[in-house]
Amino acid sequence: KFAINPADLGLYGQANRVIMAPSSLVTHSVADVFKQKANEDFQKNGNAIAIFKKTRNMLFFIMLLPCLIIAIFGPSIFTFLFGEEWRQSGVYAQILMILVFPKFIVSTLNYMYIIARKQKENFYLNIYRLLATLFSFYLAYKFFGTTEAMLLFFSINYSIIYLIYYARSYTFAKGNISESKE
């Protein structure tokens, strides 16, 4: 029977801190500029597609190499930096790259929900995200019963959610918000 090992939580926590802290610093800086410029463009032109694409491309290229390095060499990097006992944390970091890459890009761009006044849709997506996350953990637990499987299902689930957020944010940035405003 699978039970969450407290050591796994520590290893996950270490992986999460190491990969999220640097990306959060960059994301917050870029997000501040994006929010201001996208809002100005949207109010002035009825769209924010130019700044949306520019920001997307910049974030993509900033994050591509670090994500690839962690995805390929995660366990070795964690072992080198923290010691052999943290190798598994590097494995978890590899798995988490599936969600970190799209999160890094989309977490800034989904501010379009606020600019386009689509908070109600965002609320429903958050409910979906909660339910889908619980379901992904349940499936991984039920069929595989490993921490790696749970992280993999969680990461894939979040990647799908980020793709939905990206697609909708892109639509809003183009000014295609013909639905009634909320």
Protein backbone atom coordinates (compact mmCIF):
# COMPACT_ATOMS: atom_id res chain seq x y z
CA LYS A 1 0.00 0.00 0.00
CA PHE A 2 1.31 3.43 -0.98
CA ALA A 3 1.73 6.04 1.69
CA ILE A 4 3.36 9.41 1.26
CA ASN A 5 6.80 9.26 2.73
CA PRO A 6 7.73 12.44 4.64
CA ALA A 7 11.17 12.25 3.03
CA ASP A 8 9.50 12.48 -0.39
CA LEU A 9 7.79 15.68 0.70
CA GLY A 10 11.16 17.13 1.67
CA LEU A 11 12.69 16.07 -1.62
CA TYR A 12 9.77 17.57 -3.52
CA GLY A 13 10.02 20.77 -1.48
CA GLN A 14 13.72 21.09 -2.30
CA ALA A 15 13.09 20.52 -6.01
CA ASN A 16 10.24 23.01 -6.01
CA ARG A 17 12.26 25.71 -4.22
CA VAL A 18 15.30 25.33 -6.44
CA ILE A 19 13.39 25.51 -9.71
CA MET A 20 10.66 27.98 -8.78
CA ALA A 21 12.57 30.68 -6.90
CA PRO A 22 14.72 31.93 -9.81
CA SER A 23 11.83 31.73 -12.28
CA SER A 24 9.56 33.67 -9.91
CA LEU A 25 11.98 36.59 -9.78
CA VAL A 26 12.03 36.88 -13.57
CA THR A 27 8.29 36.31 -13.92
CA HIS A 28 7.36 39.06 -11.46
CA SER A 29 9.58 41.61 -13.18
CA VAL A 30 8.29 40.78 -16.64
CA ALA A 31 4.68 40.56 -15.40
CA ASP A 32 4.76 44.11 -14.04
CA VAL A 33 5.81 45.51 -17.41
CA PHE A 34 3.39 43.26 -19.31
CA LYS A 35 0.41 44.23 -17.15
CA GLN A 36 0.97 47.93 -17.67
CA LYS A 37 1.70 47.77 -21.41
CA ALA A 38 -1.03 45.22 -22.20
CA ASN A 39 -3.61 47.26 -20.32
CA GLU A 40 -2.57 50.45 -22.13
CA ASP A 41 -2.63 48.75 -25.54
CA PHE A 42 -5.96 47.09 -24.87
CA GLN A 43 -7.58 50.34 -23.77
CA LYS A 44 -6.09 52.30 -26.67
CA ASN A 45 -6.30 49.76 -29.54
CA GLY A 46 -8.82 47.18 -28.37
CA ASN A 47 -6.11 44.50 -28.35
CA ALA A 48 -2.76 43.71 -26.76
CA ILE A 49 -1.51 41.15 -29.24
CA ALA A 50 1.84 42.81 -29.98
CA ILE A 51 2.97 42.93 -26.33
CA PHE A 52 1.45 39.48 -25.77
CA LYS A 53 3.59 37.92 -28.52
CA LYS A 54 6.70 39.86 -27.53
CA THR A 55 6.36 38.80 -23.89
CA ARG A 56 5.57 35.18 -24.82
CA ASN A 57 8.65 34.93 -27.02
CA MET A 58 10.91 36.55 -24.45
CA LEU A 59 9.71 34.24 -21.66
CA PHE A 60 10.00 31.20 -23.94
CA PHE A 61 13.63 31.93 -24.76
CA ILE A 62 14.57 32.89 -21.20
CA MET A 63 13.24 29.60 -19.83
CA LEU A 64 14.06 27.16 -22.64
CA LEU A 65 17.70 26.44 -21.77
CA PRO A 66 17.31 26.20 -17.96
CA CYS A 67 14.33 23.84 -18.37
CA LEU A 68 16.19 21.65 -20.83
CA ILE A 69 19.23 21.49 -18.55
CA ILE A 70 17.13 20.45 -15.53
CA ALA A 71 15.06 18.04 -17.64
CA ILE A 72 18.20 16.29 -18.87
CA PHE A 73 20.64 16.63 -15.96
CA GLY A 74 18.39 17.22 -12.92
CA PRO A 75 19.60 14.35 -10.73
CA SER A 76 23.26 15.06 -11.47
CA ILE A 77 22.85 18.78 -10.77
CA PHE A 78 21.08 18.18 -7.47
CA THR A 79 23.69 15.60 -6.45
CA PHE A 80 26.51 18.02 -7.29
CA LEU A 81 24.90 20.96 -5.47
CA PHE A 82 23.39 19.26 -2.44
CA GLY A 83 24.90 15.78 -2.15
CA GLU A 84 23.89 12.25 -3.10
CA GLU A 85 20.95 12.20 -0.68
CA TRP A 86 19.26 14.87 -2.84
CA ARG A 87 19.51 12.95 -6.15
CA GLN A 88 15.82 11.99 -5.99
CA SER A 89 14.97 15.66 -5.64
CA GLY A 90 16.63 16.12 -9.03
CA VAL A 91 14.36 13.40 -10.45
CA TYR A 92 11.36 15.28 -9.09
CA ALA A 93 12.71 18.48 -10.65
CA GLN A 94 12.93 16.71 -14.01
CA ILE A 95 9.28 15.72 -13.77
CA LEU A 96 8.23 19.19 -12.63
CA MET A 97 9.80 20.75 -15.74
CA ILE A 98 6.71 19.53 -17.61
CA LEU A 99 4.67 22.12 -15.72
CA VAL A 100 7.33 24.74 -14.95
CA PHE A 101 8.00 25.63 -18.56
CA PRO A 102 4.39 26.47 -19.50
CA LYS A 103 3.74 27.99 -16.07
CA PHE A 104 6.64 30.36 -16.49
CA ILE A 105 5.23 31.64 -19.77
CA VAL A 106 1.51 31.58 -19.08
CA SER A 107 1.44 32.91 -15.51
CA THR A 108 2.34 36.34 -16.87
CA LEU A 109 0.18 36.21 -19.98
CA ASN A 110 -3.00 35.13 -18.23
CA TYR A 111 -3.30 38.64 -16.82
CA MET A 112 -5.35 39.09 -19.99
CA TYR A 113 -8.26 37.60 -18.02
CA ILE A 114 -8.31 40.71 -15.85
CA ILE A 115 -7.80 43.14 -18.72
CA ALA A 116 -10.61 41.49 -20.72
CA ARG A 117 -12.80 41.31 -17.60
CA LYS A 118 -13.13 37.54 -17.70
CA GLN A 119 -12.81 36.86 -13.98
CA LYS A 120 -15.91 34.68 -13.98
CA GLU A 121 -14.36 32.37 -16.58
CA ASN A 122 -11.14 32.38 -14.58
CA PHE A 123 -13.12 31.37 -11.49
CA TYR A 124 -14.59 28.39 -13.34
CA LEU A 125 -11.16 27.40 -14.63
CA ASN A 126 -9.85 27.48 -11.08
CA ILE A 127 -12.63 25.12 -10.00
CA TYR A 128 -11.74 22.85 -12.92
CA ARG A 129 -8.06 23.08 -11.94
CA LEU A 130 -8.86 21.97 -8.40
CA LEU A 131 -11.01 19.04 -9.50
CA ALA A 132 -8.61 17.98 -12.25
CA THR A 133 -5.68 18.12 -9.83
CA LEU A 134 -7.45 15.93 -7.29
CA PHE A 135 -8.45 13.52 -10.05
CA SER A 136 -4.90 13.36 -11.43
CA PHE A 137 -3.52 12.53 -7.98
CA TYR A 138 -6.22 9.91 -7.51
CA LEU A 139 -5.46 8.25 -10.87
CA ALA A 140 -1.72 8.20 -10.25
CA TYR A 141 -2.23 6.81 -6.77
CA LYS A 142 -4.79 4.22 -7.87
CA PHE A 143 -2.89 2.86 -10.86
CA PHE A 144 0.77 3.41 -10.00
CA GLY A 145 1.10 4.33 -6.33
CA THR A 146 4.42 6.12 -6.66
CA THR A 147 5.47 9.66 -5.91
CA GLU A 148 6.94 9.96 -9.41
CA ALA A 149 3.63 8.96 -11.01
CA MET A 150 1.74 11.42 -8.86
CA LEU A 151 4.12 14.23 -9.83
CA LEU A 152 3.95 13.21 -13.48
CA PHE A 153 0.13 13.21 -13.56
CA PHE A 154 0.10 16.49 -11.63
CA SER A 155 2.57 18.06 -14.07
CA ILE A 156 0.72 16.86 -17.17
CA ASN A 157 -2.57 18.05 -15.72
CA TYR A 158 -1.18 21.50 -15.04
CA SER A 159 0.42 21.69 -18.48
CA ILE A 160 -2.99 21.08 -20.03
CA ILE A 161 -4.53 23.74 -17.81
CA TYR A 162 -1.79 26.20 -18.79
CA LEU A 163 -2.47 25.46 -22.46
CA ILE A 164 -6.13 26.33 -21.90
CA TYR A 165 -5.15 29.54 -20.12
CA TYR A 166 -2.72 30.37 -22.92
CA ALA A 167 -5.28 29.81 -25.68
CA ARG A 168 -7.91 31.94 -23.95
CA SER A 169 -5.42 34.67 -23.03
CA TYR A 170 -4.24 34.77 -26.65
CA THR A 171 -7.84 35.15 -27.81
CA PHE A 172 -8.37 38.00 -25.35
CA ALA A 173 -5.12 39.69 -26.42
CA LYS A 174 -6.34 39.69 -30.01
CA GLY A 175 -9.38 41.58 -28.84
CA ASN A 176 -11.73 38.68 -29.56
CA ILE A 177 -13.94 39.08 -26.56
CA SER A 178 -17.29 39.30 -28.26
CA GLU A 179 -18.96 37.51 -25.37
CA SER A 180 -20.69 39.83 -22.95
CA LYS A 181 -18.41 41.35 -20.32
CA GLU A 182 -18.84 40.09 -16.80
